Amino acid sequence: MQSINLNIENDIYEDIKRGGIDIQKKFNEFLAQFAFVDDGYPSIGTEEARRRVADAVENYKKNPEEFVPYSEGMDKIDKWLESL
């Protein structure tokens, strides 16, 4: 078994102790649930994320008529759900 050192602010540590939280158990649960989950999408860096957002904003500015207002889209989803 390997060890991991964790630096926690004193006030947070005191809250954990007062709450009787089992850090080892919580950390293991976190690792099992989130750390190795593959959502099927490749990771991207900050610059790629910024480029994608900028492209989406530019696309919206050029073609606003292609986009449905949120409330209208939700109305369509609600009607579809009611039809099920």
N, C-alpha and C. Protein backbone atom coordinates (compact mmCIF):
# COMPACT_ATOMS: atom_id res chain seq x y z
N MET A 1 0.85 -1.17 0.00
CA MET A 1 0.00 0.00 0.00
C MET A 1 0.89 1.23 0.00
N GLN A 2 0.48 2.25 -0.72
CA GLN A 2 1.23 3.50 -0.80
C GLN A 2 0.56 4.57 0.07
N SER A 3 1.31 5.63 0.36
CA SER A 3 0.80 6.73 1.16
C SER A 3 0.72 7.99 0.33
N ILE A 4 -0.23 8.84 0.68
CA ILE A 4 -0.37 10.16 0.06
C ILE A 4 -0.42 11.18 1.18
N ASN A 5 0.39 12.23 1.07
CA ASN A 5 0.35 13.33 2.04
C ASN A 5 -0.67 14.35 1.55
N LEU A 6 -1.47 14.85 2.46
CA LEU A 6 -2.51 15.80 2.13
C LEU A 6 -2.37 17.01 3.05
N ASN A 7 -2.21 18.18 2.47
CA ASN A 7 -2.13 19.41 3.24
C ASN A 7 -3.51 20.05 3.30
N ILE A 8 -4.01 20.24 4.51
CA ILE A 8 -5.34 20.80 4.71
C ILE A 8 -5.21 22.00 5.65
N GLU A 9 -5.91 23.07 5.33
CA GLU A 9 -5.92 24.24 6.20
C GLU A 9 -6.38 23.83 7.59
N ASN A 10 -5.81 24.45 8.62
CA ASN A 10 -6.10 24.08 10.00
C ASN A 10 -7.59 24.13 10.33
N ASP A 11 -8.27 25.19 9.90
CA ASP A 11 -9.69 25.31 10.25
C ASP A 11 -10.52 24.22 9.58
N ILE A 12 -10.16 23.85 8.36
CA ILE A 12 -10.87 22.78 7.67
C ILE A 12 -10.60 21.45 8.37
N TYR A 13 -9.36 21.24 8.75
CA TYR A 13 -9.01 20.00 9.46
C TYR A 13 -9.79 19.88 10.77
N GLU A 14 -9.90 20.98 11.49
CA GLU A 14 -10.65 20.96 12.74
C GLU A 14 -12.12 20.63 12.48
N ASP A 15 -12.69 21.18 11.41
CA ASP A 15 -14.08 20.86 11.05
C ASP A 15 -14.24 19.37 10.75
N ILE A 16 -13.26 18.81 10.04
CA ILE A 16 -13.29 17.38 9.72
C ILE A 16 -13.25 16.55 10.99
N LYS A 17 -12.35 16.91 11.90
CA LYS A 17 -12.23 16.18 13.16
C LYS A 17 -13.52 16.28 13.97
N ARG A 18 -14.06 17.51 14.08
CA ARG A 18 -15.29 17.71 14.84
C ARG A 18 -16.45 16.92 14.24
N GLY A 19 -16.45 16.83 12.92
CA GLY A 19 -17.53 16.11 12.25
C GLY A 19 -17.37 14.61 12.25
N GLY A 20 -16.24 14.14 12.74
CA GLY A 20 -16.02 12.70 12.78
C GLY A 20 -15.93 12.07 11.40
N ILE A 21 -15.45 12.83 10.43
CA ILE A 21 -15.36 12.36 9.05
C ILE A 21 -14.14 11.46 8.88
N ASP A 22 -14.35 10.31 8.27
CA ASP A 22 -13.27 9.37 7.97
C ASP A 22 -12.66 9.78 6.63
N ILE A 23 -11.55 10.52 6.71
CA ILE A 23 -10.92 11.05 5.50
C ILE A 23 -10.49 9.93 4.56
N GLN A 24 -9.92 8.88 5.11
CA GLN A 24 -9.47 7.75 4.28
C GLN A 24 -10.63 7.18 3.48
N LYS A 25 -11.75 6.97 4.14
CA LYS A 25 -12.94 6.41 3.46
C LYS A 25 -13.44 7.38 2.39
N LYS A 26 -13.55 8.66 2.74
CA LYS A 26 -14.04 9.66 1.79
C LYS A 26 -13.12 9.77 0.57
N PHE A 27 -11.83 9.73 0.81
CA PHE A 27 -10.88 9.84 -0.28
C PHE A 27 -10.98 8.62 -1.20
N ASN A 28 -11.10 7.44 -0.62
CA ASN A 28 -11.26 6.23 -1.42
C ASN A 28 -12.54 6.27 -2.25
N GLU A 29 -13.63 6.77 -1.64
CA GLU A 29 -14.89 6.91 -2.38
C GLU A 29 -14.72 7.88 -3.54
N PHE A 30 -14.03 8.99 -3.28
CA PHE A 30 -13.78 9.98 -4.33
C PHE A 30 -13.02 9.35 -5.49
N LEU A 31 -11.95 8.64 -5.17
CA LEU A 31 -11.15 8.01 -6.22
C LEU A 31 -11.97 7.04 -7.04
N ALA A 32 -12.76 6.24 -6.37
CA ALA A 32 -13.57 5.24 -7.06
C ALA A 32 -14.62 5.90 -7.95
N GLN A 33 -15.16 7.01 -7.50
CA GLN A 33 -16.27 7.63 -8.23
C GLN A 33 -15.81 8.59 -9.32
N PHE A 34 -14.75 9.37 -9.07
CA PHE A 34 -14.41 10.45 -9.99
C PHE A 34 -13.05 10.35 -10.67
N ALA A 35 -12.08 9.88 -9.98
CA ALA A 35 -10.71 10.01 -10.46
C ALA A 35 -10.43 9.22 -11.73
N PHE A 36 -11.05 8.10 -11.90
CA PHE A 36 -10.72 7.26 -13.05
C PHE A 36 -11.89 7.07 -13.99
N VAL A 37 -12.86 7.94 -13.91
CA VAL A 37 -14.03 7.84 -14.76
C VAL A 37 -13.67 8.35 -16.15
N ASP A 38 -13.96 7.54 -17.14
CA ASP A 38 -13.74 7.93 -18.53
C ASP A 38 -15.10 8.23 -19.14
N ASP A 39 -15.34 9.49 -19.44
CA ASP A 39 -16.63 9.86 -20.01
C ASP A 39 -16.68 9.68 -21.52
N GLY A 40 -15.60 9.16 -22.09
CA GLY A 40 -15.58 8.91 -23.52
C GLY A 40 -15.12 10.10 -24.35
N TYR A 41 -14.92 11.23 -23.69
CA TYR A 41 -14.45 12.42 -24.40
C TYR A 41 -12.98 12.63 -24.08
N PRO A 42 -12.18 12.94 -25.09
CA PRO A 42 -10.77 13.20 -24.81
C PRO A 42 -10.62 14.52 -24.05
N SER A 43 -9.63 14.58 -23.20
CA SER A 43 -9.36 15.81 -22.46
C SER A 43 -8.85 16.89 -23.41
N ILE A 44 -9.16 18.14 -23.06
CA ILE A 44 -8.64 19.26 -23.84
C ILE A 44 -7.98 20.23 -22.87
N GLY A 45 -7.07 21.03 -23.40
CA GLY A 45 -6.39 22.01 -22.59
C GLY A 45 -7.16 23.33 -22.54
N THR A 46 -6.63 24.24 -21.75
CA THR A 46 -7.27 25.54 -21.58
C THR A 46 -7.38 26.30 -22.89
N GLU A 47 -6.32 26.28 -23.66
CA GLU A 47 -6.34 27.02 -24.93
C GLU A 47 -7.37 26.44 -25.90
N GLU A 48 -7.47 25.13 -25.95
CA GLU A 48 -8.47 24.49 -26.81
C GLU A 48 -9.87 24.84 -26.34
N ALA A 49 -10.09 24.85 -25.04
CA ALA A 49 -11.40 25.22 -24.50
C ALA A 49 -11.74 26.66 -24.85
N ARG A 50 -10.77 27.55 -24.72
CA ARG A 50 -11.01 28.97 -25.07
C ARG A 50 -11.33 29.11 -26.55
N ARG A 51 -10.61 28.36 -27.39
CA ARG A 51 -10.86 28.43 -28.83
C ARG A 51 -12.27 27.95 -29.14
N ARG A 52 -12.69 26.86 -28.52
CA ARG A 52 -14.03 26.33 -28.78
C ARG A 52 -15.12 27.30 -28.35
N VAL A 53 -14.94 27.93 -27.19
CA VAL A 53 -15.92 28.90 -26.72
C VAL A 53 -15.95 30.11 -27.65
N ALA A 54 -14.78 30.60 -28.04
CA ALA A 54 -14.71 31.74 -28.96
C ALA A 54 -15.37 31.42 -30.28
N ASP A 55 -15.15 30.20 -30.79
CA ASP A 55 -15.78 29.78 -32.05
C ASP A 55 -17.30 29.73 -31.90
N ALA A 56 -17.78 29.22 -30.76
CA ALA A 56 -19.22 29.13 -30.53
C ALA A 56 -19.85 30.52 -30.45
N VAL A 57 -19.18 31.44 -29.76
CA VAL A 57 -19.69 32.81 -29.65
C VAL A 57 -19.71 33.47 -31.03
N GLU A 58 -18.64 33.30 -31.79
CA GLU A 58 -18.58 33.87 -33.14
C GLU A 58 -19.68 33.29 -34.03
N ASN A 59 -19.91 31.99 -33.93
CA ASN A 59 -20.96 31.35 -34.71
C ASN A 59 -22.33 31.90 -34.34
N TYR A 60 -22.53 32.13 -33.05
CA TYR A 60 -23.81 32.71 -32.61
C TYR A 60 -23.98 34.13 -33.15
N LYS A 61 -22.91 34.91 -33.08
CA LYS A 61 -23.00 36.29 -33.57
C LYS A 61 -23.31 36.34 -35.07
N LYS A 62 -22.75 35.41 -35.83
CA LYS A 62 -22.97 35.39 -37.27
C LYS A 62 -24.33 34.84 -37.65
N ASN A 63 -24.86 33.91 -36.85
CA ASN A 63 -26.10 33.22 -37.20
C ASN A 63 -27.06 33.12 -36.01
N PRO A 64 -27.46 34.24 -35.43
CA PRO A 64 -28.32 34.15 -34.23
C PRO A 64 -29.67 33.50 -34.51
N GLU A 65 -30.14 33.56 -35.75
CA GLU A 65 -31.43 32.96 -36.07
C GLU A 65 -31.41 31.44 -36.00
N GLU A 66 -30.24 30.84 -35.99
CA GLU A 66 -30.14 29.38 -35.90
C GLU A 66 -30.32 28.87 -34.48
N PHE A 67 -30.29 29.76 -33.51
CA PHE A 67 -30.34 29.35 -32.12
C PHE A 67 -31.73 29.60 -31.55
N VAL A 68 -32.20 28.66 -30.74
CA VAL A 68 -33.52 28.73 -30.12
C VAL A 68 -33.37 29.32 -28.73
N PRO A 69 -34.23 30.28 -28.36
CA PRO A 69 -34.17 30.80 -27.00
C PRO A 69 -34.36 29.67 -25.99
N TYR A 70 -33.73 29.79 -24.86
CA TYR A 70 -33.77 28.74 -23.84
C TYR A 70 -35.20 28.33 -23.50
N SER A 71 -36.06 29.32 -23.23
CA SER A 71 -37.44 29.00 -22.82
C SER A 71 -38.18 28.25 -23.93
N GLU A 72 -37.95 28.63 -25.16
CA GLU A 72 -38.60 27.95 -26.28
C GLU A 72 -38.11 26.50 -26.39
N GLY A 73 -36.83 26.33 -26.23
CA GLY A 73 -36.27 24.98 -26.27
C GLY A 73 -36.79 24.13 -25.14
N MET A 74 -36.90 24.71 -23.95
CA MET A 74 -37.42 23.96 -22.81
C MET A 74 -38.89 23.63 -23.01
N ASP A 75 -39.65 24.53 -23.63
CA ASP A 75 -41.06 24.25 -23.92
C ASP A 75 -41.18 23.03 -24.84
N LYS A 76 -40.30 22.95 -25.83
CA LYS A 76 -40.32 21.80 -26.75
C LYS A 76 -39.97 20.52 -26.00
N ILE A 77 -39.01 20.60 -25.12
CA ILE A 77 -38.63 19.42 -24.34
C ILE A 77 -39.77 19.00 -23.42
N ASP A 78 -40.41 19.98 -22.76
CA ASP A 78 -41.53 19.67 -21.87
C ASP A 78 -42.66 18.99 -22.63
N LYS A 79 -43.00 19.51 -23.82
CA LYS A 79 -44.07 18.90 -24.62
C LYS A 79 -43.70 17.48 -25.03
N TRP A 80 -42.43 17.29 -25.40
CA TRP A 80 -41.99 15.95 -25.77
C TRP A 80 -42.10 15.00 -24.59
N LEU A 81 -41.66 15.46 -23.40
CA LEU A 81 -41.75 14.61 -22.22
C LEU A 81 -43.18 14.26 -21.87
N GLU A 82 -44.09 15.22 -22.02
CA GLU A 82 -45.50 14.97 -21.74
C GLU A 82 -46.10 13.95 -22.70
N SER A 83 -45.55 13.89 -23.90
CA SER A 83 -46.08 12.96 -24.90
C SER A 83 -45.66 11.51 -24.65
N LEU A 84 -44.71 11.31 -23.75
CA LEU A 84 -44.23 9.94 -23.49
C LEU A 84 -45.19 9.14 -22.65
